[in-house]
Amino acid sequence: MSDLSPGSVEPLLQGRLGRPYRFVEECASTQRLLDPDEAEGATVATDLQTQGRGRLGRRWETPAGRALLFSVLLHPQPPMALWPELSLVAGGAVAAALREQTGVEAELSHPNDVLIAGRKVAGILPEATVGRVVLGIGVNVNQTGEELPAETPKPPTSLWAETGREWPRAPLLAAILLELERRYGEWQRLHTNR
């Protein structure tokens, strides 16, 4: 059984993001599994994406069960022109959660990457349509150096490569969702109370 099953993840959720939560063993892309009418915070995670995408149409590939691959549905209140900022909000949340949970020196790299010492550990792919944004988030967690892609614009890394140990993915997912909720709330308040 996957460590991202609902039974593993749901008891760790502390906020409203991640509810409802669904897990699928394999899919083309978690971005496609969230319906427009679902509640804000709906989240889908998978062990394997067969058509994962990064920025500029780049492919995002990883061995099954080694990365954290999920999408979160948001219904932002601020004007749609401001929604691209959500890449930075989400990237900052991922970096902060990784620092807190693992002790790595993760930092946001504009516009949508999370780096450790210049190497990419995570990426954010926001896709907006009327009334909603789906944030696709991919974090390299337990890949060995040989399992990381060889030809990438930025050299890749994983939490395992940086720390020399395996990390359970469910607590990382819960921590990222909680930090994302906090920063998303701040962003909404900043842009709706003018």
Protein backbone atom coordinates (compact mmCIF):
# COMPACT_ATOMS: atom_id res chain seq x y z
CA MET A 1 0.00 0.00 0.00
CA SER A 2 1.25 3.47 -0.85
CA ASP A 3 2.34 5.86 1.90
CA LEU A 4 0.13 8.43 0.11
CA SER A 5 -3.08 6.42 0.60
CA PRO A 6 -5.95 8.33 2.24
CA GLY A 7 -5.44 6.29 5.42
CA SER A 8 -1.84 7.56 5.63
CA VAL A 9 -2.45 11.19 4.64
CA GLU A 10 -5.86 12.22 6.02
CA PRO A 11 -4.98 11.82 9.74
CA LEU A 12 -2.04 14.23 9.21
CA LEU A 13 -4.04 17.04 7.56
CA GLN A 14 -4.40 20.08 9.80
CA GLY A 15 -6.12 22.60 7.54
CA ARG A 16 -8.77 22.73 4.85
CA LEU A 17 -6.41 22.19 1.90
CA GLY A 18 -6.20 18.49 1.16
CA ARG A 19 -9.92 17.96 1.73
CA PRO A 20 -11.33 16.08 -0.03
CA TYR A 21 -8.22 13.98 -0.66
CA ARG A 22 -7.89 11.32 -3.34
CA PHE A 23 -5.06 8.99 -4.26
CA VAL A 24 -4.59 7.13 -7.54
CA GLU A 25 -1.74 4.68 -8.11
CA GLU A 26 -1.08 5.89 -11.64
CA CYS A 27 -2.45 8.59 -13.95
CA ALA A 28 -1.46 10.70 -16.94
CA SER A 29 -1.36 13.84 -14.79
CA THR A 30 -2.97 14.78 -11.47
CA GLN A 31 -3.76 18.17 -13.07
CA ARG A 32 -6.53 16.47 -15.08
CA LEU A 33 -8.24 14.73 -12.17
CA LEU A 34 -9.79 17.76 -10.46
CA ASP A 35 -13.23 18.86 -11.66
CA PRO A 36 -14.00 22.62 -11.85
CA ASP A 37 -16.94 22.30 -9.45
CA GLU A 38 -14.99 20.57 -6.68
CA ALA A 39 -14.46 22.39 -3.39
CA GLU A 40 -11.43 24.58 -2.89
CA GLY A 41 -8.68 22.50 -1.34
CA ALA A 42 -9.53 19.28 -3.20
CA THR A 43 -6.25 17.41 -3.68
CA VAL A 44 -5.21 14.43 -5.80
CA ALA A 45 -1.90 12.60 -5.36
CA THR A 46 -0.33 9.74 -7.30
CA ASP A 47 2.65 7.39 -7.19
CA LEU A 48 3.25 7.61 -10.95
CA GLN A 49 2.45 10.21 -13.62
CA THR A 50 2.87 8.98 -17.17
CA GLN A 51 2.50 12.45 -18.72
CA GLY A 52 3.75 14.75 -15.95
CA ARG A 53 4.61 18.23 -17.22
CA GLY A 54 6.80 21.06 -16.10
CA ARG A 55 7.12 24.64 -17.22
CA LEU A 56 7.35 25.35 -20.98
CA GLY A 57 5.93 21.91 -21.78
CA ARG A 58 8.92 20.03 -20.37
CA ARG A 59 8.33 16.46 -19.23
CA TRP A 60 8.51 15.57 -15.52
CA GLU A 61 9.38 11.91 -15.05
CA THR A 62 10.21 9.91 -11.94
CA PRO A 63 10.13 6.26 -10.85
CA ALA A 64 6.87 5.14 -9.20
CA GLY A 65 6.51 5.88 -5.51
CA ARG A 66 9.71 7.93 -5.17
CA ALA A 67 8.44 11.51 -5.61
CA LEU A 68 5.62 13.57 -4.19
CA LEU A 69 3.25 14.30 -7.10
CA PHE A 70 -0.02 16.09 -6.41
CA SER A 71 -2.42 18.82 -7.51
CA VAL A 72 -4.51 21.21 -5.40
CA LEU A 73 -7.62 23.08 -6.55
CA LEU A 74 -7.98 26.75 -5.56
CA HIS A 75 -10.74 29.28 -6.24
CA PRO A 76 -8.88 32.59 -5.75
CA GLN A 77 -10.86 35.75 -4.98
CA PRO A 78 -8.35 38.37 -6.25
CA PRO A 79 -8.46 39.39 -9.93
CA MET A 80 -7.23 36.78 -12.40
CA ALA A 81 -4.39 39.09 -13.48
CA LEU A 82 -2.76 38.45 -10.08
CA TRP A 83 -3.04 34.66 -10.20
CA PRO A 84 0.45 34.11 -11.70
CA GLU A 85 1.74 35.17 -8.25
CA LEU A 86 0.41 31.85 -6.95
CA SER A 87 3.50 30.14 -8.44
CA LEU A 88 5.62 32.14 -6.01
CA VAL A 89 3.19 31.58 -3.13
CA ALA A 90 3.24 27.81 -3.72
CA GLY A 91 7.00 27.65 -4.32
CA GLY A 92 7.64 29.57 -1.10
CA ALA A 93 5.34 27.21 0.78
CA VAL A 94 7.10 24.11 -0.58
CA ALA A 95 10.55 25.51 0.26
CA ALA A 96 9.48 26.47 3.80
CA ALA A 97 7.85 23.08 4.45
CA LEU A 98 10.93 21.21 3.20
CA ARG A 99 13.22 23.32 5.40
CA GLU A 100 11.03 22.72 8.43
CA GLN A 101 10.50 18.99 7.85
CA THR A 102 13.94 17.91 6.63
CA GLY A 103 16.44 20.63 7.54
CA VAL A 104 17.55 21.13 3.91
CA GLU A 105 18.31 24.67 2.73
CA ALA A 106 15.51 24.81 0.18
CA GLU A 107 14.76 28.15 -1.47
CA LEU A 108 12.36 29.52 -4.06
CA SER A 109 13.80 30.21 -7.51
CA HIS A 110 11.61 32.56 -9.58
CA PRO A 111 9.15 31.77 -11.02
CA ASN A 112 8.30 28.22 -10.00
CA ASP A 113 11.24 26.07 -8.89
CA VAL A 114 12.53 25.09 -5.48
CA LEU A 115 16.30 24.65 -5.29
CA ILE A 116 18.83 23.27 -2.84
CA ALA A 117 22.31 24.73 -3.50
CA GLY A 118 21.31 25.51 -7.09
CA ARG A 119 19.85 22.06 -7.79
CA LYS A 120 16.13 21.60 -8.47
CA VAL A 121 14.25 19.57 -5.86
CA ALA A 122 10.69 20.69 -6.71
CA GLY A 123 8.60 22.42 -9.35
CA ILE A 124 5.20 24.12 -9.44
CA LEU A 125 2.86 24.11 -12.45
CA PRO A 126 -0.18 26.40 -12.08
CA GLU A 127 -2.96 26.06 -14.64
CA ALA A 128 -5.76 28.62 -14.54
CA THR A 129 -9.20 28.61 -16.07
CA VAL A 130 -12.18 30.79 -15.24
CA GLY A 131 -12.75 30.74 -11.49
CA ARG A 132 -10.04 28.26 -10.58
CA VAL A 133 -6.35 27.47 -10.43
CA VAL A 134 -4.97 23.95 -10.25
CA LEU A 135 -1.51 23.92 -8.69
CA GLY A 136 0.52 20.91 -9.76
CA ILE A 137 3.41 20.26 -7.38
CA GLY A 138 6.23 17.78 -7.85
CA VAL A 139 8.91 17.16 -5.21
CA ASN A 140 11.87 14.82 -5.68
CA VAL A 141 11.83 12.87 -2.44
CA ASN A 142 13.43 9.41 -2.47
CA GLN A 143 15.08 9.17 -5.88
CA THR A 144 18.73 8.10 -5.90
CA GLY A 145 21.21 10.03 -8.04
CA GLU A 146 20.81 7.46 -10.82
CA GLU A 147 17.02 7.85 -10.79
CA LEU A 148 17.10 11.61 -11.35
CA PRO A 149 16.77 12.84 -14.95
CA ALA A 150 20.11 13.42 -16.67
CA GLU A 151 19.27 16.17 -19.16
CA THR A 152 17.46 19.04 -17.47
CA PRO A 153 17.84 22.84 -17.68
CA LYS A 154 18.78 22.93 -13.97
CA PRO A 155 20.67 20.05 -12.33
CA PRO A 156 18.20 17.94 -10.31
CA THR A 157 18.45 16.68 -6.76
CA SER A 158 16.21 14.89 -4.25
CA LEU A 159 15.76 14.94 -0.50
CA TRP A 160 17.39 11.50 -0.40
CA ALA A 161 20.41 12.75 -2.39
CA GLU A 162 20.77 15.76 -0.08
CA THR A 163 20.30 13.99 3.27
CA GLY A 164 21.30 10.39 2.63
CA ARG A 165 18.04 9.02 4.03
CA GLU A 166 14.57 8.07 2.89
CA TRP A 167 11.66 10.33 3.78
CA PRO A 168 8.02 9.31 4.32
CA ARG A 169 5.95 11.28 1.84
CA ALA A 170 2.66 11.68 3.76
CA PRO A 171 4.07 14.04 6.44
CA LEU A 172 5.77 16.10 3.72
CA LEU A 173 2.49 16.39 1.81
CA ALA A 174 0.58 17.44 4.93
CA ALA A 175 3.24 20.02 5.84
CA ILE A 176 3.26 21.51 2.33
CA LEU A 177 -0.55 21.76 2.27
CA LEU A 178 -0.61 23.49 5.66
CA GLU A 179 2.09 26.00 4.70
CA LEU A 180 0.41 26.59 1.34
CA GLU A 181 -2.89 27.29 3.09
CA ARG A 182 -1.23 29.83 5.39
CA ARG A 183 0.55 31.67 2.56
CA TYR A 184 -2.44 31.49 0.21
CA GLY A 185 -4.61 33.02 2.94
CA GLU A 186 -2.12 35.86 3.42
CA TRP A 187 -1.97 36.44 -0.34
CA GLN A 188 -5.77 36.59 -0.61
CA ARG A 189 -6.06 39.00 2.32
CA LEU A 190 -3.38 41.23 0.80
CA HIS A 191 -5.25 41.50 -2.51
CA THR A 192 -8.88 41.56 -1.41
CA ASN A 193 -8.78 44.12 1.44
CA ARG A 194 -7.75 47.10 -0.66
